[in-house]
Amino acid sequence: MRVAAPPVEGAANAAVTDAVAAALGLRRADVVLEGGPRGRRKILSAPAAARAALERLLAGA
């Protein structure tokens, strides 16, 4: 995933979190950046209830 936000003061991390939450139909607070805050690769966590939405997204990729 690419975002237009610059990697300054967490703007890019917030943009990624927002995009994932929107894609899964979750609140931003439900998606948590668990790792990779300064790198290109991020580790995010979301509630188990989002699993079906995630599987639909991945199946369409």
C-alpha atoms as a PDB file:
ATOM      1  CA  MET A   1       0.000   0.000   0.000  1.00  0.00           C
ATOM      2  CA  ARG A   2       1.254   3.466  -0.794  1.00  0.00           C
ATOM      3  CA  VAL A   3       0.090   6.640   0.869  1.00  0.00           C
ATOM      4  CA  ALA A   4       0.641  10.245  -0.152  1.00  0.00           C
ATOM      5  CA  ALA A   5       1.353  11.446   3.388  1.00  0.00           C
ATOM      6  CA  PRO A   6       4.987  12.281   4.114  1.00  0.00           C
ATOM      7  CA  PRO A   7       6.929  10.171   6.627  1.00  0.00           C
ATOM      8  CA  VAL A   8       7.087  13.109   9.027  1.00  0.00           C
ATOM      9  CA  GLU A   9       5.763  13.113  12.595  1.00  0.00           C
ATOM     10  CA  GLY A  10       3.809   9.897  12.037  1.00  0.00           C
ATOM     11  CA  ALA A  11       1.695  11.261   9.177  1.00  0.00           C
ATOM     12  CA  ALA A  12       2.388   8.264   6.932  1.00  0.00           C
ATOM     13  CA  ASN A  13       1.688   5.802   9.763  1.00  0.00           C
ATOM     14  CA  ALA A  14      -1.622   7.534  10.470  1.00  0.00           C
ATOM     15  CA  ALA A  15      -2.521   7.423   6.771  1.00  0.00           C
ATOM     16  CA  VAL A  16      -1.809   3.677   6.584  1.00  0.00           C
ATOM     17  CA  THR A  17      -3.814   3.023   9.749  1.00  0.00           C
ATOM     18  CA  ASP A  18      -6.715   5.112   8.426  1.00  0.00           C
ATOM     19  CA  ALA A  19      -6.695   3.326   5.066  1.00  0.00           C
ATOM     20  CA  VAL A  20      -6.645  -0.146   6.604  1.00  0.00           C
ATOM     21  CA  ALA A  21      -9.405   0.743   9.059  1.00  0.00           C
ATOM     22  CA  ALA A  22     -11.564   2.120   6.242  1.00  0.00           C
ATOM     23  CA  ALA A  23     -10.952  -0.938   4.054  1.00  0.00           C
ATOM     24  CA  LEU A  24     -11.960  -3.268   6.894  1.00  0.00           C
ATOM     25  CA  GLY A  25     -14.911  -1.149   8.005  1.00  0.00           C
ATOM     26  CA  LEU A  26     -13.375  -0.457  11.410  1.00  0.00           C
ATOM     27  CA  ARG A  27     -12.758   2.591  13.545  1.00  0.00           C
ATOM     28  CA  ARG A  28      -9.208   3.914  13.359  1.00  0.00           C
ATOM     29  CA  ALA A  29      -8.784   3.109  17.057  1.00  0.00           C
ATOM     30  CA  ASP A  30      -9.395  -0.577  16.265  1.00  0.00           C
ATOM     31  CA  VAL A  31      -6.320  -0.785  14.017  1.00  0.00           C
ATOM     32  CA  VAL A  32      -3.039  -0.560  15.927  1.00  0.00           C
ATOM     33  CA  LEU A  33       0.484  -0.125  14.576  1.00  0.00           C
ATOM     34  CA  GLU A  34       2.376  -2.898  16.378  1.00  0.00           C
ATOM     35  CA  GLY A  35       5.704  -2.651  14.591  1.00  0.00           C
ATOM     36  CA  GLY A  36       7.681  -0.847  11.926  1.00  0.00           C
ATOM     37  CA  PRO A  37       6.913   2.765  12.815  1.00  0.00           C
ATOM     38  CA  ARG A  38      10.052   4.013  11.081  1.00  0.00           C
ATOM     39  CA  GLY A  39      10.352   1.486   8.282  1.00  0.00           C
ATOM     40  CA  ARG A  40       8.531   0.725   5.065  1.00  0.00           C
ATOM     41  CA  ARG A  41       7.113  -2.530   6.413  1.00  0.00           C
ATOM     42  CA  LYS A  42       4.409  -2.167   9.039  1.00  0.00           C
ATOM     43  CA  ILE A  43       2.815  -4.655  11.400  1.00  0.00           C
ATOM     44  CA  LEU A  44      -0.791  -3.810  12.196  1.00  0.00           C
ATOM     45  CA  SER A  45      -3.280  -5.543  14.439  1.00  0.00           C
ATOM     46  CA  ALA A  46      -7.056  -5.516  14.183  1.00  0.00           C
ATOM     47  CA  PRO A  47      -9.846  -7.276  16.076  1.00  0.00           C
ATOM     48  CA  ALA A  48     -10.550 -10.890  15.176  1.00  0.00           C
ATOM     49  CA  ALA A  49     -14.005  -9.779  14.017  1.00  0.00           C
ATOM     50  CA  ALA A  50     -12.322  -8.133  11.012  1.00  0.00           C
ATOM     51  CA  ARG A  51     -11.002 -11.464   9.717  1.00  0.00           C
ATOM     52  CA  ALA A  52     -13.812 -12.027   7.219  1.00  0.00           C
ATOM     53  CA  ALA A  53     -13.387  -8.524   5.752  1.00  0.00           C
ATOM     54  CA  LEU A  54      -9.636  -9.070   5.478  1.00  0.00           C
ATOM     55  CA  GLU A  55     -10.112 -12.412   3.723  1.00  0.00           C
ATOM     56  CA  ARG A  56     -12.499 -10.778   1.208  1.00  0.00           C
ATOM     57  CA  LEU A  57      -9.954  -8.039   0.499  1.00  0.00           C
ATOM     58  CA  LEU A  58      -7.117 -10.512   0.029  1.00  0.00           C
ATOM     59  CA  ALA A  59      -9.213 -12.735  -2.219  1.00  0.00           C
ATOM     60  CA  GLY A  60      -9.886  -9.774  -4.504  1.00  0.00           C
ATOM     61  CA  ALA A  61      -6.204  -8.759  -4.675  1.00  0.00           C
END
